[in-house]
Amino acid sequence: MRKFMLQTVCAIALLGAAAAHAADTYVLKFATLAPQGSTWMKAFDAWGKDLATRSQGRLTVKFYPGGISGDEPDMLRKIRFGQLQGAALSGHGVGEIFPPARILETPFLFHSHAEIDAVRATLQPAIEAGFRANQYELLAWMEVGNIHFFSTKPLANLDEMARRRIWQWQGDRFMDAFFNANGWSPVALPITEVYTGLSTGMVDTVVSTPLASIALQWASKTPYMSDQSMATGIGAVVVTNKFYAGLPADLQALLKSSGVLLSKRLIADTRRDDLASFAVLAKTTQPMVGMQKANINLAEQTALTRKAVSALEAKAYLSAALDREVDAALARYRSQNK
């Protein structure tokens, strides 16, 4: 009897230890539109392995790449239902969480990556607070590249866009305001349907980055590309506040510190590979006549962009106070770096 009781106690202790270990193991279910093998997924895969190694297997990431969890609104819906805990989002997804951050991809606002970096550093605390107030923890900031016009046929100037079937990401209020200011009538589609739309002629023009156009295979359908970029696409790596708060303090610290390194890698790799992708496409696509930098009326486009920003401020999608911070930070940087 004594031996049996001892074995029972030992078994219970082992089960308790196993249960405690299992309770201390966390899996982050993470979705992204980035295809497997892309610049972004290479960074995410390395990040996931690093988290698993440094946490000794207590924190792992299960990735759902290539849009298998749906479009970004679908990802956010699944996050609300508890099916996912995190995601890598482009500007559209960022706008679903903290819309004022989208001021950083305002068309024709910035002239260089250095300007973007300087202004974003000023806004970073407000952006992080904005995400947190909307039930998300911002782990890493990222970019998707420089946004250009891609089309199935050449464009002489931006005025012709009014007669084109230009794609607009379905539900994207930010780009909708920009298109409206220009008098364009876009075709709204989920990003997962753009390739089909280009194939069938439902759309004939898209705004995208060279890197994304190649990764999503849109470049094969759009033989014309503008030389001049209109903006730099933003992005964010986020987890829910609920998931983050449920982690022990050491894993919270690990997740945040790893996010800093991930952000640096994502931005550096995206800028490098987007530039390389532009060089590749410049050899295989035709330039859009009249779409070079010198032939775009930047003063006119700036005025139209301001009109769009004002409309979004009036609807409380953008923050007038934060936008004025951007103006001040940009003016300060340009003054110091003449």
C-alpha atoms as a PDB file:
ATOM      1  CA  MET A   1       0.000   0.000   0.000  1.00  0.00           C
ATOM      2  CA  ARG A   2       2.840   2.372   0.910  1.00  0.00           C
ATOM      3  CA  LYS A   3       4.561   1.640  -2.417  1.00  0.00           C
ATOM      4  CA  PHE A   4       1.329   2.188  -4.336  1.00  0.00           C
ATOM      5  CA  MET A   5       0.712   5.523  -2.632  1.00  0.00           C
ATOM      6  CA  LEU A   6       4.278   6.640  -3.366  1.00  0.00           C
ATOM      7  CA  GLN A   7       3.853   5.788  -7.051  1.00  0.00           C
ATOM      8  CA  THR A   8       0.544   7.645  -7.126  1.00  0.00           C
ATOM      9  CA  VAL A   9       2.063  10.758  -5.555  1.00  0.00           C
ATOM     10  CA  CYS A  10       4.938  10.674  -8.039  1.00  0.00           C
ATOM     11  CA  ALA A  11       2.541  10.283 -10.965  1.00  0.00           C
ATOM     12  CA  ILE A  12       0.442  13.213  -9.764  1.00  0.00           C
ATOM     13  CA  ALA A  13       3.583  15.335  -9.358  1.00  0.00           C
ATOM     14  CA  LEU A  14       4.734  14.499 -12.881  1.00  0.00           C
ATOM     15  CA  LEU A  15       1.322  15.309 -14.324  1.00  0.00           C
ATOM     16  CA  GLY A  16       1.305  18.580 -12.430  1.00  0.00           C
ATOM     17  CA  ALA A  17       4.740  19.489 -13.744  1.00  0.00           C
ATOM     18  CA  ALA A  18       3.681  18.639 -17.309  1.00  0.00           C
ATOM     19  CA  ALA A  19       0.519  20.720 -16.931  1.00  0.00           C
ATOM     20  CA  ALA A  20       2.477  23.642 -15.556  1.00  0.00           C
ATOM     21  CA  HIS A  21       4.906  23.413 -18.482  1.00  0.00           C
ATOM     22  CA  ALA A  22       2.045  23.241 -20.975  1.00  0.00           C
ATOM     23  CA  ALA A  23       0.384  26.253 -19.364  1.00  0.00           C
ATOM     24  CA  ASP A  24       3.633  28.158 -19.782  1.00  0.00           C
ATOM     25  CA  THR A  25       3.750  27.494 -23.544  1.00  0.00           C
ATOM     26  CA  TYR A  26       2.272  30.108 -25.889  1.00  0.00           C
ATOM     27  CA  VAL A  27       1.518  29.926 -29.607  1.00  0.00           C
ATOM     28  CA  LEU A  28       1.016  33.118 -31.589  1.00  0.00           C
ATOM     29  CA  LYS A  29      -1.212  32.457 -34.611  1.00  0.00           C
ATOM     30  CA  PHE A  30      -0.058  35.045 -37.117  1.00  0.00           C
ATOM     31  CA  ALA A  31      -1.436  35.921 -40.574  1.00  0.00           C
ATOM     32  CA  THR A  32       0.001  37.909 -43.467  1.00  0.00           C
ATOM     33  CA  LEU A  33      -0.620  38.516 -47.157  1.00  0.00           C
ATOM     34  CA  ALA A  34       3.114  38.072 -47.804  1.00  0.00           C
ATOM     35  CA  PRO A  35       3.710  34.998 -49.974  1.00  0.00           C
ATOM     36  CA  GLN A  36       6.035  32.251 -48.804  1.00  0.00           C
ATOM     37  CA  GLY A  37       9.577  33.000 -49.958  1.00  0.00           C
ATOM     38  CA  SER A  38       9.002  36.766 -50.205  1.00  0.00           C
ATOM     39  CA  THR A  39      11.215  39.353 -48.548  1.00  0.00           C
ATOM     40  CA  TRP A  40       8.708  39.807 -45.744  1.00  0.00           C
ATOM     41  CA  MET A  41       8.161  36.094 -45.053  1.00  0.00           C
ATOM     42  CA  LYS A  42      11.903  35.484 -44.878  1.00  0.00           C
ATOM     43  CA  ALA A  43      12.077  38.106 -42.128  1.00  0.00           C
ATOM     44  CA  PHE A  44       9.022  36.683 -40.350  1.00  0.00           C
ATOM     45  CA  ASP A  45      10.366  33.125 -40.476  1.00  0.00           C
ATOM     46  CA  ALA A  46      13.671  34.257 -38.975  1.00  0.00           C
ATOM     47  CA  TRP A  47      11.764  36.184 -36.292  1.00  0.00           C
ATOM     48  CA  GLY A  48       9.676  33.139 -35.379  1.00  0.00           C
ATOM     49  CA  LYS A  49      12.752  30.921 -35.078  1.00  0.00           C
ATOM     50  CA  ASP A  50      14.509  33.528 -32.954  1.00  0.00           C
ATOM     51  CA  LEU A  51      11.533  33.777 -30.579  1.00  0.00           C
ATOM     52  CA  ALA A  52      11.357  29.995 -30.203  1.00  0.00           C
ATOM     53  CA  THR A  53      15.104  29.744 -29.542  1.00  0.00           C
ATOM     54  CA  ARG A  54      15.347  32.623 -27.080  1.00  0.00           C
ATOM     55  CA  SER A  55      12.245  31.526 -25.188  1.00  0.00           C
ATOM     56  CA  GLN A  56      13.414  27.876 -25.135  1.00  0.00           C
ATOM     57  CA  GLY A  57      10.243  26.860 -26.915  1.00  0.00           C
ATOM     58  CA  ARG A  58       7.861  28.680 -24.596  1.00  0.00           C
ATOM     59  CA  LEU A  59       6.805  31.171 -27.283  1.00  0.00           C
ATOM     60  CA  THR A  60       6.345  30.022 -30.872  1.00  0.00           C
ATOM     61  CA  VAL A  61       4.701  31.542 -33.948  1.00  0.00           C
ATOM     62  CA  LYS A  62       2.406  29.658 -36.316  1.00  0.00           C
ATOM     63  CA  PHE A  63       2.318  31.526 -39.612  1.00  0.00           C
ATOM     64  CA  TYR A  64      -0.546  31.741 -42.090  1.00  0.00           C
ATOM     65  CA  PRO A  65       1.137  33.387 -45.134  1.00  0.00           C
ATOM     66  CA  GLY A  66       0.034  34.241 -48.651  1.00  0.00           C
ATOM     67  CA  GLY A  67      -3.452  35.399 -47.742  1.00  0.00           C
ATOM     68  CA  ILE A  68      -4.675  31.929 -46.715  1.00  0.00           C
ATOM     69  CA  SER A  69      -6.491  33.671 -43.854  1.00  0.00           C
ATOM     70  CA  GLY A  70      -8.135  36.034 -46.343  1.00  0.00           C
ATOM     71  CA  ASP A  71      -7.787  39.740 -47.018  1.00  0.00           C
ATOM     72  CA  GLU A  72      -6.634  42.047 -44.205  1.00  0.00           C
ATOM     73  CA  PRO A  73     -10.205  42.834 -43.061  1.00  0.00           C
ATOM     74  CA  ASP A  74     -10.742  39.052 -42.879  1.00  0.00           C
ATOM     75  CA  MET A  75      -7.605  38.684 -40.740  1.00  0.00           C
ATOM     76  CA  LEU A  76      -8.784  41.371 -38.340  1.00  0.00           C
ATOM     77  CA  ARG A  77     -12.207  39.720 -38.145  1.00  0.00           C
ATOM     78  CA  LYS A  78     -10.578  36.402 -37.244  1.00  0.00           C
ATOM     79  CA  ILE A  79      -8.496  38.179 -34.626  1.00  0.00           C
ATOM     80  CA  ARG A  80     -11.672  39.574 -33.050  1.00  0.00           C
ATOM     81  CA  PHE A  81     -13.119  36.036 -32.971  1.00  0.00           C
ATOM     82  CA  GLY A  82      -9.958  34.676 -31.332  1.00  0.00           C
ATOM     83  CA  GLN A  83      -8.917  32.526 -34.311  1.00  0.00           C
ATOM     84  CA  LEU A  84      -5.726  34.585 -34.754  1.00  0.00           C
ATOM     85  CA  GLN A  85      -3.692  36.665 -32.302  1.00  0.00           C
ATOM     86  CA  GLY A  86      -1.494  38.696 -34.611  1.00  0.00           C
ATOM     87  CA  ALA A  87      -0.862  39.863 -38.159  1.00  0.00           C
ATOM     88  CA  ALA A  88       1.399  41.796 -40.469  1.00  0.00           C
ATOM     89  CA  LEU A  89      -0.679  44.547 -42.033  1.00  0.00           C
ATOM     90  CA  SER A  90      -0.225  47.065 -44.825  1.00  0.00           C
ATOM     91  CA  GLY A  91      -1.640  50.581 -44.686  1.00  0.00           C
ATOM     92  CA  HIS A  92      -5.191  49.353 -45.285  1.00  0.00           C
ATOM     93  CA  GLY A  93      -5.057  47.118 -42.219  1.00  0.00           C
ATOM     94  CA  VAL A  94      -3.336  49.818 -40.179  1.00  0.00           C
ATOM     95  CA  GLY A  95      -6.237  52.110 -41.066  1.00  0.00           C
ATOM     96  CA  GLU A  96      -8.679  49.588 -39.607  1.00  0.00           C
ATOM     97  CA  ILE A  97      -6.918  49.855 -36.231  1.00  0.00           C
ATOM     98  CA  PHE A  98      -5.459  53.377 -35.957  1.00  0.00           C
ATOM     99  CA  PRO A  99      -6.350  55.430 -39.070  1.00  0.00           C
ATOM    100  CA  PRO A 100      -4.329  58.575 -38.160  1.00  0.00           C
ATOM    101  CA  ALA A 101      -1.100  56.616 -38.767  1.00  0.00           C
ATOM    102  CA  ARG A 102      -1.880  56.600 -42.476  1.00  0.00           C
ATOM    103  CA  ILE A 103      -0.773  60.210 -42.764  1.00  0.00           C
ATOM    104  CA  LEU A 104       2.680  58.659 -43.229  1.00  0.00           C
ATOM    105  CA  GLU A 105       1.722  57.332 -46.682  1.00  0.00           C
ATOM    106  CA  THR A 106       0.196  60.569 -47.948  1.00  0.00           C
ATOM    107  CA  PRO A 107       0.810  60.784 -51.720  1.00  0.00           C
ATOM    108  CA  PHE A 108       3.615  63.121 -52.830  1.00  0.00           C
ATOM    109  CA  LEU A 109       4.287  64.312 -49.244  1.00  0.00           C
ATOM    110  CA  PHE A 110       7.790  62.962 -48.632  1.00  0.00           C
ATOM    111  CA  HIS A 111      10.788  63.360 -50.906  1.00  0.00           C
ATOM    112  CA  SER A 112      13.053  60.678 -49.394  1.00  0.00           C
ATOM    113  CA  HIS A 113      13.232  57.796 -46.969  1.00  0.00           C
ATOM    114  CA  ALA A 114      15.289  60.004 -44.669  1.00  0.00           C
ATOM    115  CA  GLU A 115      12.338  62.386 -44.367  1.00  0.00           C
ATOM    116  CA  ILE A 116      10.000  59.481 -43.623  1.00  0.00           C
ATOM    117  CA  ASP A 117      12.329  58.132 -40.922  1.00  0.00           C
ATOM    118  CA  ALA A 118      12.677  61.518 -39.234  1.00  0.00           C
ATOM    119  CA  VAL A 119       8.928  62.195 -39.148  1.00  0.00           C
ATOM    120  CA  ARG A 120       8.027  58.664 -38.085  1.00  0.00           C
ATOM    121  CA  ALA A 121      10.456  58.883 -35.152  1.00  0.00           C
ATOM    122  CA  THR A 122       8.575  61.959 -33.965  1.00  0.00           C
ATOM    123  CA  LEU A 123       5.197  60.240 -34.291  1.00  0.00           C
ATOM    124  CA  GLN A 124       6.202  56.830 -32.946  1.00  0.00           C
ATOM    125  CA  PRO A 125       5.000  57.335 -29.330  1.00  0.00           C
ATOM    126  CA  ALA A 126       1.606  58.602 -30.513  1.00  0.00           C
ATOM    127  CA  ILE A 127       1.262  55.726 -32.987  1.00  0.00           C
ATOM    128  CA  GLU A 128       2.089  53.103 -30.354  1.00  0.00           C
ATOM    129  CA  ALA A 129      -0.386  54.691 -27.959  1.00  0.00           C
ATOM    130  CA  GLY A 130      -3.028  54.756 -30.689  1.00  0.00           C
ATOM    131  CA  PHE A 131      -2.639  51.044 -31.384  1.00  0.00           C
ATOM    132  CA  ARG A 132      -2.725  50.233 -27.669  1.00  0.00           C
ATOM    133  CA  ALA A 133      -5.898  52.265 -27.164  1.00  0.00           C
ATOM    134  CA  ASN A 134      -7.515  50.169 -29.908  1.00  0.00           C
ATOM    135  CA  GLN A 135      -6.648  46.821 -28.311  1.00  0.00           C
ATOM    136  CA  TYR A 136      -3.410  46.068 -30.162  1.00  0.00           C
ATOM    137  CA  GLU A 137       0.249  46.077 -29.248  1.00  0.00           C
ATOM    138  CA  LEU A 138       2.499  47.406 -32.001  1.00  0.00           C
ATOM    139  CA  LEU A 139       5.554  45.159 -32.205  1.00  0.00           C
ATOM    140  CA  ALA A 140       7.242  46.369 -35.382  1.00  0.00           C
ATOM    141  CA  TRP A 141       6.840  49.040 -38.007  1.00  0.00           C
ATOM    142  CA  MET A 142       7.385  48.015 -41.602  1.00  0.00           C
ATOM    143  CA  GLU A 143       7.058  49.192 -45.178  1.00  0.00           C
ATOM    144  CA  VAL A 144       5.810  47.555 -48.352  1.00  0.00           C
ATOM    145  CA  GLY A 145       7.876  49.697 -50.726  1.00  0.00           C
ATOM    146  CA  ASN A 146       7.509  52.727 -52.971  1.00  0.00           C
ATOM    147  CA  ILE A 147       4.081  52.946 -54.588  1.00  0.00           C
ATOM    148  CA  HIS A 148       3.950  53.370 -58.382  1.00  0.00           C
ATOM    149  CA  PHE A 149       1.235  53.250 -61.021  1.00  0.00           C
ATOM    150  CA  PHE A 150       1.092  49.996 -63.009  1.00  0.00           C
ATOM    151  CA  SER A 151      -1.151  49.617 -66.037  1.00  0.00           C
ATOM    152  CA  THR A 152      -2.082  47.388 -68.935  1.00  0.00           C
ATOM    153  CA  LYS A 153      -1.611  50.366 -71.266  1.00  0.00           C
ATOM    154  CA  PRO A 154       0.432  53.587 -71.268  1.00  0.00           C
ATOM    155  CA  LEU A 155      -0.710  56.777 -69.610  1.00  0.00           C
ATOM    156  CA  ALA A 156       0.133  60.195 -71.009  1.00  0.00           C
ATOM    157  CA  ASN A 157      -0.654  61.980 -67.736  1.00  0.00           C
ATOM    158  CA  LEU A 158      -2.610  61.620 -64.509  1.00  0.00           C
ATOM    159  CA  ASP A 159      -5.669  63.280 -66.078  1.00  0.00           C
ATOM    160  CA  GLU A 160      -6.172  60.112 -68.128  1.00  0.00           C
ATOM    161  CA  MET A 161      -6.732  58.183 -64.913  1.00  0.00           C
ATOM    162  CA  ALA A 162     -10.310  59.459 -64.871  1.00  0.00           C
ATOM    163  CA  ARG A 163     -10.994  57.183 -67.856  1.00  0.00           C
ATOM    164  CA  ARG A 164      -9.238  54.155 -66.420  1.00  0.00           C
ATOM    165  CA  ARG A 165     -10.501  51.266 -64.337  1.00  0.00           C
ATOM    166  CA  ILE A 166      -8.088  51.813 -61.471  1.00  0.00           C
ATOM    167  CA  TRP A 167      -8.157  49.342 -58.599  1.00  0.00           C
ATOM    168  CA  GLN A 168      -8.990  50.501 -55.109  1.00  0.00           C
ATOM    169  CA  TRP A 169      -8.565  48.174 -52.158  1.00  0.00           C
ATOM    170  CA  GLN A 170     -12.114  47.457 -51.024  1.00  0.00           C
ATOM    171  CA  GLY A 171     -12.946  49.473 -47.911  1.00  0.00           C
ATOM    172  CA  ASP A 172      -9.805  51.632 -48.121  1.00  0.00           C
ATOM    173  CA  ARG A 173     -11.121  55.052 -47.108  1.00  0.00           C
ATOM    174  CA  PHE A 174      -7.695  56.693 -47.307  1.00  0.00           C
ATOM    175  CA  MET A 175      -7.046  55.938 -50.982  1.00  0.00           C
ATOM    176  CA  ASP A 176     -10.717  56.521 -51.762  1.00  0.00           C
ATOM    177  CA  ALA A 177     -10.346  60.130 -50.581  1.00  0.00           C
ATOM    178  CA  PHE A 178      -7.223  60.585 -52.730  1.00  0.00           C
ATOM    179  CA  PHE A 179      -8.952  59.144 -55.811  1.00  0.00           C
ATOM    180  CA  ASN A 180     -12.031  61.305 -55.207  1.00  0.00           C
ATOM    181  CA  ALA A 181      -9.906  64.451 -54.921  1.00  0.00           C
ATOM    182  CA  ASN A 182      -8.461  63.626 -58.344  1.00  0.00           C
ATOM    183  CA  GLY A 183     -11.866  62.876 -59.862  1.00  0.00           C
ATOM    184  CA  TRP A 184     -11.084  59.209 -60.463  1.00  0.00           C
ATOM    185  CA  SER A 185     -13.719  56.451 -60.293  1.00  0.00           C
ATOM    186  CA  PRO A 186     -11.984  53.343 -58.945  1.00  0.00           C
ATOM    187  CA  VAL A 187     -13.074  49.715 -59.008  1.00  0.00           C
ATOM    188  CA  ALA A 188     -13.181  48.357 -55.442  1.00  0.00           C
ATOM    189  CA  LEU A 189     -11.880  44.791 -55.029  1.00  0.00           C
ATOM    190  CA  PRO A 190     -10.287  42.753 -52.230  1.00  0.00           C
ATOM    191  CA  ILE A 191      -6.558  42.441 -52.809  1.00  0.00           C
ATOM    192  CA  THR A 192      -7.011  38.695 -53.256  1.00  0.00           C
ATOM    193  CA  GLU A 193      -9.052  39.353 -56.439  1.00  0.00           C
ATOM    194  CA  VAL A 194      -6.773  41.860 -58.170  1.00  0.00           C
ATOM    195  CA  TYR A 195      -4.862  39.312 -60.255  1.00  0.00           C
ATOM    196  CA  THR A 196      -8.126  37.960 -61.615  1.00  0.00           C
ATOM    197  CA  GLY A 197      -9.381  41.510 -62.177  1.00  0.00           C
ATOM    198  CA  LEU A 198      -6.307  42.348 -64.263  1.00  0.00           C
ATOM    199  CA  SER A 199      -6.674  39.096 -66.193  1.00  0.00           C
ATOM    200  CA  THR A 200     -10.311  39.726 -67.092  1.00  0.00           C
ATOM    201  CA  GLY A 201     -10.052  43.477 -67.688  1.00  0.00           C
ATOM    202  CA  MET A 202     -12.210  44.358 -64.699  1.00  0.00           C
ATOM    203  CA  VAL A 203      -9.328  46.655 -63.727  1.00  0.00           C
ATOM    204  CA  ASP A 204      -6.566  47.961 -65.972  1.00  0.00           C
ATOM    205  CA  THR A 205      -4.503  50.061 -63.556  1.00  0.00           C
ATOM    206  CA  VAL A 206      -3.224  49.491 -60.014  1.00  0.00           C
ATOM    207  CA  VAL A 207      -1.168  51.368 -57.469  1.00  0.00           C
ATOM    208  CA  SER A 208       1.409  49.035 -55.989  1.00  0.00           C
ATOM    209  CA  THR A 209       5.081  48.645 -55.162  1.00  0.00           C
ATOM    210  CA  PRO A 210       7.531  46.918 -57.509  1.00  0.00           C
ATOM    211  CA  LEU A 211       8.294  44.324 -54.832  1.00  0.00           C
ATOM    212  CA  ALA A 212       4.620  43.548 -54.194  1.00  0.00           C
ATOM    213  CA  SER A 213       3.768  43.544 -57.902  1.00  0.00           C
ATOM    214  CA  ILE A 214       6.333  40.818 -58.504  1.00  0.00           C
ATOM    215  CA  ALA A 215       5.452  38.854 -55.363  1.00  0.00           C
ATOM    216  CA  LEU A 216       1.709  38.920 -56.181  1.00  0.00           C
ATOM    217  CA  GLN A 217       2.349  38.306 -59.914  1.00  0.00           C
ATOM    218  CA  TRP A 218       0.564  41.500 -60.958  1.00  0.00           C
ATOM    219  CA  ALA A 219       3.645  42.611 -62.911  1.00  0.00           C
ATOM    220  CA  SER A 220       2.954  39.897 -65.495  1.00  0.00           C
ATOM    221  CA  LYS A 221      -0.343  41.649 -66.326  1.00  0.00           C
ATOM    222  CA  THR A 222       0.851  45.286 -66.238  1.00  0.00           C
ATOM    223  CA  PRO A 223       3.554  46.009 -68.845  1.00  0.00           C
ATOM    224  CA  TYR A 224       3.594  49.748 -68.060  1.00  0.00           C
ATOM    225  CA  MET A 225       5.010  51.335 -64.895  1.00  0.00           C
ATOM    226  CA  SER A 226       5.433  54.969 -63.834  1.00  0.00           C
ATOM    227  CA  ASP A 227       8.958  56.178 -63.100  1.00  0.00           C
ATOM    228  CA  GLN A 228       7.770  58.430 -60.294  1.00  0.00           C
ATOM    229  CA  SER A 229       6.589  56.907 -57.043  1.00  0.00           C
ATOM    230  CA  MET A 230       3.654  58.570 -55.316  1.00  0.00           C
ATOM    231  CA  ALA A 231       4.271  57.431 -51.719  1.00  0.00           C
ATOM    232  CA  THR A 232       5.900  54.789 -49.555  1.00  0.00           C
ATOM    233  CA  GLY A 233       3.482  52.133 -48.333  1.00  0.00           C
ATOM    234  CA  ILE A 234       3.413  51.617 -44.573  1.00  0.00           C
ATOM    235  CA  GLY A 235       2.803  48.481 -42.533  1.00  0.00           C
ATOM    236  CA  ALA A 236       2.739  47.148 -38.999  1.00  0.00           C
ATOM    237  CA  VAL A 237       3.283  43.912 -37.089  1.00  0.00           C
ATOM    238  CA  VAL A 238       0.726  43.641 -34.299  1.00  0.00           C
ATOM    239  CA  VAL A 239      -0.618  41.287 -31.641  1.00  0.00           C
ATOM    240  CA  THR A 240      -3.774  41.679 -29.607  1.00  0.00           C
ATOM    241  CA  ASN A 241      -3.585  43.298 -26.201  1.00  0.00           C
ATOM    242  CA  LYS A 242      -5.260  40.175 -24.804  1.00  0.00           C
ATOM    243  CA  PHE A 243      -2.523  37.867 -26.105  1.00  0.00           C
ATOM    244  CA  TYR A 244       0.236  40.238 -25.037  1.00  0.00           C
ATOM    245  CA  ALA A 245      -1.210  40.747 -21.540  1.00  0.00           C
ATOM    246  CA  GLY A 246      -1.509  36.973 -21.112  1.00  0.00           C
ATOM    247  CA  LEU A 247       2.242  36.461 -21.508  1.00  0.00           C
ATOM    248  CA  PRO A 248       4.613  36.350 -18.523  1.00  0.00           C
ATOM    249  CA  ALA A 249       6.685  39.512 -18.089  1.00  0.00           C
ATOM    250  CA  ASP A 250       9.841  37.932 -19.540  1.00  0.00           C
ATOM    251  CA  LEU A 251       8.049  36.856 -22.718  1.00  0.00           C
ATOM    252  CA  GLN A 252       6.432  40.272 -23.071  1.00  0.00           C
ATOM    253  CA  ALA A 253       9.887  41.834 -22.916  1.00  0.00           C
ATOM    254  CA  LEU A 254      11.212  39.289 -25.412  1.00  0.00           C
ATOM    255  CA  LEU A 255       8.366  39.934 -27.850  1.00  0.00           C
ATOM    256  CA  LYS A 256       8.862  43.717 -27.703  1.00  0.00           C
ATOM    257  CA  SER A 257      12.658  43.604 -28.023  1.00  0.00           C
ATOM    258  CA  SER A 258      12.454  41.146 -30.919  1.00  0.00           C
ATOM    259  CA  GLY A 259       9.990  43.509 -32.596  1.00  0.00           C
ATOM    260  CA  VAL A 260      12.560  46.325 -32.584  1.00  0.00           C
ATOM    261  CA  LEU A 261      15.038  44.136 -34.455  1.00  0.00           C
ATOM    262  CA  LEU A 262      12.324  42.845 -36.789  1.00  0.00           C
ATOM    263  CA  SER A 263      11.319  46.402 -37.675  1.00  0.00           C
ATOM    264  CA  LYS A 264      14.875  47.336 -38.609  1.00  0.00           C
ATOM    265  CA  ARG A 265      15.231  44.257 -40.785  1.00  0.00           C
ATOM    266  CA  LEU A 266      11.841  44.639 -42.484  1.00  0.00           C
ATOM    267  CA  ILE A 267      12.448  48.278 -43.405  1.00  0.00           C
ATOM    268  CA  ALA A 268      16.033  47.725 -44.589  1.00  0.00           C
ATOM    269  CA  ASP A 269      15.245  44.556 -46.573  1.00  0.00           C
ATOM    270  CA  THR A 270      12.089  46.010 -48.129  1.00  0.00           C
ATOM    271  CA  ARG A 271      13.845  49.171 -49.286  1.00  0.00           C
ATOM    272  CA  ARG A 272      16.720  47.174 -50.753  1.00  0.00           C
ATOM    273  CA  ASP A 273      14.559  44.577 -52.509  1.00  0.00           C
ATOM    274  CA  ASP A 274      11.957  47.094 -53.680  1.00  0.00           C
ATOM    275  CA  LEU A 275      14.711  49.105 -55.372  1.00  0.00           C
ATOM    276  CA  ALA A 276      16.066  45.915 -56.957  1.00  0.00           C
ATOM    277  CA  SER A 277      12.551  44.985 -58.102  1.00  0.00           C
ATOM    278  CA  PHE A 278      12.112  48.436 -59.651  1.00  0.00           C
ATOM    279  CA  ALA A 279      15.361  47.952 -61.572  1.00  0.00           C
ATOM    280  CA  VAL A 280      14.153  44.571 -62.841  1.00  0.00           C
ATOM    281  CA  LEU A 281      10.766  45.932 -63.901  1.00  0.00           C
ATOM    282  CA  ALA A 282      12.360  48.971 -65.527  1.00  0.00           C
ATOM    283  CA  LYS A 283      14.030  46.544 -67.944  1.00  0.00           C
ATOM    284  CA  THR A 284      10.948  44.428 -68.609  1.00  0.00           C
ATOM    285  CA  THR A 285       8.154  47.043 -68.609  1.00  0.00           C
ATOM    286  CA  GLN A 286       7.547  50.149 -70.683  1.00  0.00           C
ATOM    287  CA  PRO A 287       7.711  53.613 -69.100  1.00  0.00           C
ATOM    288  CA  MET A 288       4.442  55.525 -69.019  1.00  0.00           C
ATOM    289  CA  VAL A 289       4.875  58.495 -71.324  1.00  0.00           C
ATOM    290  CA  GLY A 290       4.437  61.670 -69.330  1.00  0.00           C
ATOM    291  CA  MET A 291       4.573  59.839 -65.994  1.00  0.00           C
ATOM    292  CA  GLN A 292       8.152  60.739 -65.210  1.00  0.00           C
ATOM    293  CA  LYS A 293       8.841  62.977 -62.216  1.00  0.00           C
ATOM    294  CA  ALA A 294       9.493  66.063 -64.312  1.00  0.00           C
ATOM    295  CA  ASN A 295       6.137  65.722 -66.072  1.00  0.00           C
ATOM    296  CA  ILE A 296       3.966  65.358 -62.973  1.00  0.00           C
ATOM    297  CA  ASN A 297       2.630  68.624 -61.616  1.00  0.00           C
ATOM    298  CA  LEU A 298       3.714  68.137 -58.003  1.00  0.00           C
ATOM    299  CA  ALA A 299       2.218  71.454 -56.893  1.00  0.00           C
ATOM    300  CA  GLU A 300      -1.175  70.423 -58.249  1.00  0.00           C
ATOM    301  CA  GLN A 301      -0.904  66.946 -56.734  1.00  0.00           C
ATOM    302  CA  THR A 302       0.111  68.391 -53.373  1.00  0.00           C
ATOM    303  CA  ALA A 303      -2.962  70.636 -53.393  1.00  0.00           C
ATOM    304  CA  LEU A 304      -5.240  67.707 -54.265  1.00  0.00           C
ATOM    305  CA  THR A 305      -3.657  65.613 -51.536  1.00  0.00           C
ATOM    306  CA  ARG A 306      -4.247  68.393 -49.010  1.00  0.00           C
ATOM    307  CA  LYS A 307      -7.872  68.427 -50.096  1.00  0.00           C
ATOM    308  CA  ALA A 308      -8.114  64.677 -49.452  1.00  0.00           C
ATOM    309  CA  VAL A 309      -6.405  64.973 -46.061  1.00  0.00           C
ATOM    310  CA  SER A 310      -8.755  67.787 -45.020  1.00  0.00           C
ATOM    311  CA  ALA A 311     -11.766  65.664 -46.002  1.00  0.00           C
ATOM    312  CA  LEU A 312     -10.472  62.770 -43.913  1.00  0.00           C
ATOM    313  CA  GLU A 313      -9.791  65.058 -40.962  1.00  0.00           C
ATOM    314  CA  ALA A 314     -13.364  66.340 -41.172  1.00  0.00           C
ATOM    315  CA  LYS A 315     -14.593  62.739 -40.956  1.00  0.00           C
ATOM    316  CA  ALA A 316     -12.221  62.028 -38.008  1.00  0.00           C
ATOM    317  CA  TYR A 317     -10.428  59.321 -40.005  1.00  0.00           C
ATOM    318  CA  LEU A 318      -7.223  61.349 -39.749  1.00  0.00           C
ATOM    319  CA  SER A 319      -6.197  63.477 -36.789  1.00  0.00           C
ATOM    320  CA  ALA A 320      -5.708  67.183 -37.497  1.00  0.00           C
ATOM    321  CA  ALA A 321      -3.446  67.501 -34.450  1.00  0.00           C
ATOM    322  CA  LEU A 322      -1.237  64.592 -35.542  1.00  0.00           C
ATOM    323  CA  ASP A 323      -1.163  65.867 -39.131  1.00  0.00           C
ATOM    324  CA  ARG A 324       0.099  69.245 -37.958  1.00  0.00           C
ATOM    325  CA  GLU A 325       2.848  67.409 -36.045  1.00  0.00           C
ATOM    326  CA  VAL A 326       3.837  65.774 -39.320  1.00  0.00           C
ATOM    327  CA  ASP A 327       3.946  69.148 -41.082  1.00  0.00           C
ATOM    328  CA  ALA A 328       6.069  70.646 -38.299  1.00  0.00           C
ATOM    329  CA  ALA A 329       8.469  67.699 -38.129  1.00  0.00           C
ATOM    330  CA  LEU A 330       8.889  67.650 -41.907  1.00  0.00           C
ATOM    331  CA  ALA A 331       9.502  71.391 -42.076  1.00  0.00           C
ATOM    332  CA  ARG A 332      12.007  71.106 -39.238  1.00  0.00           C
ATOM    333  CA  TYR A 333      13.886  68.287 -40.945  1.00  0.00           C
ATOM    334  CA  ARG A 334      14.036  70.104 -44.287  1.00  0.00           C
ATOM    335  CA  SER A 335      15.233  73.274 -42.621  1.00  0.00           C
ATOM    336  CA  GLN A 336      18.028  71.397 -40.865  1.00  0.00           C
ATOM    337  CA  ASN A 337      19.029  69.464 -43.977  1.00  0.00           C
ATOM    338  CA  LYS A 338      18.935  72.032 -46.753  1.00  0.00           C
END
